Amino acid sequence: MQVVICGRNSPRIWQLPKGTPEAGESIEETALREAEEETGLRLEVHESIDSIDYWFVSSIDGVRCHKTVHFYLMSATGGDINMHDHEFDTVRWVPVEDALKTLSYDNEVRIVQKGAALVSRQARAAE
């Protein structure tokens, strides 16, 4: 099983695709749109994995912000990772084990672990 991770060169960060809702979007629509924009892939949503909460300081106005990000199990139906948007320098498909070692944030590592467990349970149930 493989995972798409997105990287920036400065500062050096590897993370999962995510973003901010636009007016009128559902959480699932936001996740799909942002993942497609940031990876260059066309994707299909299967099910929710989990959500994470964190705080950050806005680089625009220095205000401390709280964010909740919802992650979904998705599969690629087309597209090209070389067509990702400007937010990242690099987008890669990597084995789950590599993603777990490469991702910069522990909360995203836990999301990948939960997603991999979901896929494993689904595969066992299909046998």
C-alpha atoms as a PDB file:
ATOM      1  CA  MET A   1       0.000   0.000   0.000  1.00  0.00           C
ATOM      2  CA  GLN A   2       1.207   3.501  -0.832  1.00  0.00           C
ATOM      3  CA  VAL A   3       0.523   6.984   0.513  1.00  0.00           C
ATOM      4  CA  VAL A   4       0.888  10.379  -1.148  1.00  0.00           C
ATOM      5  CA  ILE A   5       3.017  12.822   0.849  1.00  0.00           C
ATOM      6  CA  CYS A   6       3.741  16.473   0.069  1.00  0.00           C
ATOM      7  CA  GLY A   7       7.053  18.180   0.757  1.00  0.00           C
ATOM      8  CA  ARG A   8       8.438  21.679   1.090  1.00  0.00           C
ATOM      9  CA  ASN A   9      12.121  22.477   0.789  1.00  0.00           C
ATOM     10  CA  SER A  10      12.158  25.493   3.125  1.00  0.00           C
ATOM     11  CA  PRO A  11      11.427  24.823   5.840  1.00  0.00           C
ATOM     12  CA  ARG A  12      11.929  21.104   5.165  1.00  0.00           C
ATOM     13  CA  ILE A  13       8.529  19.550   5.928  1.00  0.00           C
ATOM     14  CA  TRP A  14       6.713  16.417   4.753  1.00  0.00           C
ATOM     15  CA  GLN A  15       2.988  16.246   5.339  1.00  0.00           C
ATOM     16  CA  LEU A  16      -0.336  14.936   4.126  1.00  0.00           C
ATOM     17  CA  PRO A  17      -2.452  17.106   1.830  1.00  0.00           C
ATOM     18  CA  LYS A  18      -4.988  19.268   3.672  1.00  0.00           C
ATOM     19  CA  GLY A  19      -6.588  22.672   3.515  1.00  0.00           C
ATOM     20  CA  THR A  20      -9.272  25.167   4.416  1.00  0.00           C
ATOM     21  CA  PRO A  21     -12.952  24.935   3.441  1.00  0.00           C
ATOM     22  CA  GLU A  22     -14.426  27.324   0.910  1.00  0.00           C
ATOM     23  CA  ALA A  23     -17.857  28.840   1.490  1.00  0.00           C
ATOM     24  CA  GLY A  24     -20.614  26.230   1.194  1.00  0.00           C
ATOM     25  CA  GLU A  25     -18.286  23.208   1.036  1.00  0.00           C
ATOM     26  CA  SER A  26     -18.847  20.111   3.133  1.00  0.00           C
ATOM     27  CA  ILE A  27     -15.906  18.697   5.070  1.00  0.00           C
ATOM     28  CA  GLU A  28     -15.653  15.820   2.574  1.00  0.00           C
ATOM     29  CA  GLU A  29     -15.752  18.210  -0.415  1.00  0.00           C
ATOM     30  CA  THR A  30     -12.966  20.284   1.136  1.00  0.00           C
ATOM     31  CA  ALA A  31     -10.800  17.217   1.733  1.00  0.00           C
ATOM     32  CA  LEU A  32     -11.299  16.028  -1.847  1.00  0.00           C
ATOM     33  CA  ARG A  33     -10.671  19.438  -3.451  1.00  0.00           C
ATOM     34  CA  GLU A  34      -7.595  20.205  -1.371  1.00  0.00           C
ATOM     35  CA  ALA A  35      -6.074  16.735  -1.881  1.00  0.00           C
ATOM     36  CA  GLU A  36      -6.643  16.997  -5.638  1.00  0.00           C
ATOM     37  CA  GLU A  37      -5.132  20.505  -5.831  1.00  0.00           C
ATOM     38  CA  GLU A  38      -2.116  19.685  -3.692  1.00  0.00           C
ATOM     39  CA  THR A  39      -1.303  16.319  -5.282  1.00  0.00           C
ATOM     40  CA  GLY A  40      -2.373  16.735  -8.932  1.00  0.00           C
ATOM     41  CA  LEU A  41      -4.370  13.495  -8.660  1.00  0.00           C
ATOM     42  CA  ARG A  42      -8.043  12.854  -9.356  1.00  0.00           C
ATOM     43  CA  LEU A  43      -9.363  11.096  -6.266  1.00  0.00           C
ATOM     44  CA  GLU A  44     -12.325   9.156  -4.965  1.00  0.00           C
ATOM     45  CA  VAL A  45     -13.337   9.371  -1.288  1.00  0.00           C
ATOM     46  CA  HIS A  46     -14.038   6.064   0.477  1.00  0.00           C
ATOM     47  CA  GLU A  47     -14.430   6.770   4.196  1.00  0.00           C
ATOM     48  CA  SER A  48     -13.355   8.968   7.058  1.00  0.00           C
ATOM     49  CA  ILE A  49     -10.127   8.071   8.859  1.00  0.00           C
ATOM     50  CA  ASP A  50     -10.118  10.615  11.691  1.00  0.00           C
ATOM     51  CA  SER A  51      -9.484  14.282  12.413  1.00  0.00           C
ATOM     52  CA  ILE A  52      -6.700  16.191  14.134  1.00  0.00           C
ATOM     53  CA  ASP A  53      -6.688  19.544  15.954  1.00  0.00           C
ATOM     54  CA  TYR A  54      -3.749  21.885  16.235  1.00  0.00           C
ATOM     55  CA  TRP A  55      -2.749  25.513  16.739  1.00  0.00           C
ATOM     56  CA  PHE A  56      -0.519  27.620  14.491  1.00  0.00           C
ATOM     57  CA  VAL A  57       0.493  31.252  14.088  1.00  0.00           C
ATOM     58  CA  SER A  58      -0.615  32.856  10.831  1.00  0.00           C
ATOM     59  CA  SER A  59       2.306  33.973   8.694  1.00  0.00           C
ATOM     60  CA  ILE A  60       0.113  36.787   7.342  1.00  0.00           C
ATOM     61  CA  ASP A  61      -0.918  38.610  10.516  1.00  0.00           C
ATOM     62  CA  GLY A  62       0.740  36.716  13.394  1.00  0.00           C
ATOM     63  CA  VAL A  63      -2.608  35.673  14.881  1.00  0.00           C
ATOM     64  CA  ARG A  64      -2.751  32.333  16.726  1.00  0.00           C
ATOM     65  CA  CYS A  65      -5.277  30.057  14.942  1.00  0.00           C
ATOM     66  CA  HIS A  66      -6.950  26.758  15.815  1.00  0.00           C
ATOM     67  CA  LYS A  67      -7.514  24.267  13.016  1.00  0.00           C
ATOM     68  CA  THR A  68      -9.340  20.940  12.763  1.00  0.00           C
ATOM     69  CA  VAL A  69      -8.427  18.786   9.767  1.00  0.00           C
ATOM     70  CA  HIS A  70     -10.512  15.806   8.661  1.00  0.00           C
ATOM     71  CA  PHE A  71      -8.736  13.010   6.792  1.00  0.00           C
ATOM     72  CA  TYR A  72     -10.334  10.502   4.435  1.00  0.00           C
ATOM     73  CA  LEU A  73      -9.282   7.242   2.878  1.00  0.00           C
ATOM     74  CA  MET A  74      -9.109   7.977  -0.862  1.00  0.00           C
ATOM     75  CA  SER A  75      -7.947   6.261  -4.013  1.00  0.00           C
ATOM     76  CA  ALA A  76      -6.481   7.811  -7.150  1.00  0.00           C
ATOM     77  CA  THR A  77      -8.562   7.500 -10.318  1.00  0.00           C
ATOM     78  CA  GLY A  78      -6.207   9.518 -12.536  1.00  0.00           C
ATOM     79  CA  GLY A  79      -4.144  12.672 -12.659  1.00  0.00           C
ATOM     80  CA  ASP A  80      -0.415  13.177 -12.264  1.00  0.00           C
ATOM     81  CA  ILE A  81       1.591  14.070  -9.139  1.00  0.00           C
ATOM     82  CA  ASN A  82       3.773  16.294 -11.328  1.00  0.00           C
ATOM     83  CA  MET A  83       0.718  18.552 -11.778  1.00  0.00           C
ATOM     84  CA  HIS A  84       0.448  19.495  -8.071  1.00  0.00           C
ATOM     85  CA  ASP A  85      -0.148  23.127  -7.139  1.00  0.00           C
ATOM     86  CA  HIS A  86       2.391  25.691  -5.909  1.00  0.00           C
ATOM     87  CA  GLU A  87       1.939  24.938  -2.183  1.00  0.00           C
ATOM     88  CA  PHE A  88       4.496  22.126  -2.265  1.00  0.00           C
ATOM     89  CA  ASP A  89       7.829  21.609  -3.943  1.00  0.00           C
ATOM     90  CA  THR A  90       7.487  17.824  -4.183  1.00  0.00           C
ATOM     91  CA  VAL A  91       4.681  15.265  -4.136  1.00  0.00           C
ATOM     92  CA  ARG A  92       5.553  11.563  -3.857  1.00  0.00           C
ATOM     93  CA  TRP A  93       3.904   8.163  -3.676  1.00  0.00           C
ATOM     94  CA  VAL A  94       5.677   6.223  -0.928  1.00  0.00           C
ATOM     95  CA  PRO A  95       5.091   2.906   0.859  1.00  0.00           C
ATOM     96  CA  VAL A  96       3.248   3.282   4.183  1.00  0.00           C
ATOM     97  CA  GLU A  97       6.403   2.335   6.098  1.00  0.00           C
ATOM     98  CA  ASP A  98       8.333   5.183   4.421  1.00  0.00           C
ATOM     99  CA  ALA A  99       5.521   7.662   5.078  1.00  0.00           C
ATOM    100  CA  LEU A 100       5.585   6.747   8.773  1.00  0.00           C
ATOM    101  CA  LYS A 101       9.321   7.546   8.900  1.00  0.00           C
ATOM    102  CA  THR A 102       9.167  10.652   6.688  1.00  0.00           C
ATOM    103  CA  LEU A 103       6.141  12.659   7.821  1.00  0.00           C
ATOM    104  CA  SER A 104       7.096  15.665   9.945  1.00  0.00           C
ATOM    105  CA  TYR A 105       4.146  15.583  12.345  1.00  0.00           C
ATOM    106  CA  ASP A 106       3.264  12.761  14.756  1.00  0.00           C
ATOM    107  CA  ASN A 107      -0.472  13.436  14.454  1.00  0.00           C
ATOM    108  CA  GLU A 108      -0.247  12.777  10.702  1.00  0.00           C
ATOM    109  CA  VAL A 109       1.759   9.599  11.330  1.00  0.00           C
ATOM    110  CA  ARG A 110      -1.178   8.401  13.447  1.00  0.00           C
ATOM    111  CA  ILE A 111      -3.584   9.219  10.582  1.00  0.00           C
ATOM    112  CA  VAL A 112      -1.533   7.060   8.193  1.00  0.00           C
ATOM    113  CA  GLN A 113      -1.433   4.236  10.755  1.00  0.00           C
ATOM    114  CA  LYS A 114      -5.234   4.409  11.154  1.00  0.00           C
ATOM    115  CA  GLY A 115      -5.756   4.538   7.384  1.00  0.00           C
ATOM    116  CA  ALA A 116      -3.489   1.527   6.836  1.00  0.00           C
ATOM    117  CA  ALA A 117      -5.379  -0.385   9.547  1.00  0.00           C
ATOM    118  CA  LEU A 118      -8.696   0.419   7.815  1.00  0.00           C
ATOM    119  CA  VAL A 119      -7.384  -0.890   4.497  1.00  0.00           C
ATOM    120  CA  SER A 120      -6.033  -4.065   6.160  1.00  0.00           C
ATOM    121  CA  ARG A 121      -9.398  -4.725   7.870  1.00  0.00           C
ATOM    122  CA  GLN A 122     -11.226  -4.208   4.585  1.00  0.00           C
ATOM    123  CA  ALA A 123      -8.890  -6.611   2.793  1.00  0.00           C
ATOM    124  CA  ARG A 124      -9.370  -9.283   5.479  1.00  0.00           C
ATOM    125  CA  ALA A 125     -13.152  -8.843   5.367  1.00  0.00           C
ATOM    126  CA  ALA A 126     -13.121  -9.293   1.575  1.00  0.00           C
ATOM    127  CA  GLU A 127     -11.279 -12.640   1.807  1.00  0.00           C
END
